[in-house]
Amino acid sequence: MSIVIERYEEFTSRIANETIGHVYPEKITEVEIHGLGEGVGLMSSIARGHLTFESGREETVIVKCVARTENSKLSKGLNFYKNEVNFYLHLAQQTPIRIPRCLYASVDPVTQDFLLVLEDLGDEKAGDQLQGCTEKERLVAFSRAAELHATFWGRAAEFDWLNYQVDMKTILFRRDRILRPGIEPTIERFPDYFSGDRADIVRKIGDQYIDLFLHAMGGEPTIIHGDYRVDNVFLTGSPDDPDIIA
């Protein structure tokens, strides 16, 4: 039976045993859940689960579920939760970039409520978008992205659950709920960046979004990360031999 939750506080010892109990050799007797903040999960609610086992041994995991903010409507409109769960279910084992180990993944196909339980990488160093990264870290990130694209190049048709990324409902959602509402406020707030005919060009992009999007999707398909930025990865290894977890 598929198990999903609406709030991470629902991740009790009973739910933990039913979803990830098979991973461990002993029963989980207690779960303490501590939210990591909406700003950390951005499009999701994210928390750290402190597990206690029958022997007294302790371990931590990361628990993700739907955002408690308006972000949840945006995420569902973009099929964000379906994407993430299906990635861990169907693509994770083939992905050349190191990722957190997935202990459990499930999503309700109707409501898009979901539950992800992941390996806790809390001891790793998270990237900082303001601080940036070194040249070697940047080159590694580009190399890993290229490996990801090469692994799935021309294979997107193998994964029929990706089809909803290019259906008209999702395309219109991107245009009407994300792009168009932000055009005029952005032009008004940052006029110095829209000199000459730039504002008109941006408006035309909004008007011609569907044609531009379909044209951009007309090439050889592959799988991309979708949110590849320095503050959404862990920087690992040494300064001379860095790597990333994404």
Foldseek 3Di string as FASTA:
>chain_A
DADFDADPVPCWQVVCCVQQVVVDPFGFDTKDWAWPDCVVVVQWTKIKIWTATPVRDIDIKMKIWGDPDPSNVVCVLQVVLVVVLCCLVPPQVQQPFAAWNWRGWDADPPSRTIITITHDPPVFAAFDQVVADDPVAVVQLVVSQVVQQVSFWLPPVVPVVCVVNLDPSSQVCCLVVPQVVVLVVVCVVCVVVCPDCNSVVSVVCSVCVNVVVVVVVPDTDGDGPVDDGRRVWTWDDDPVDIHIYD
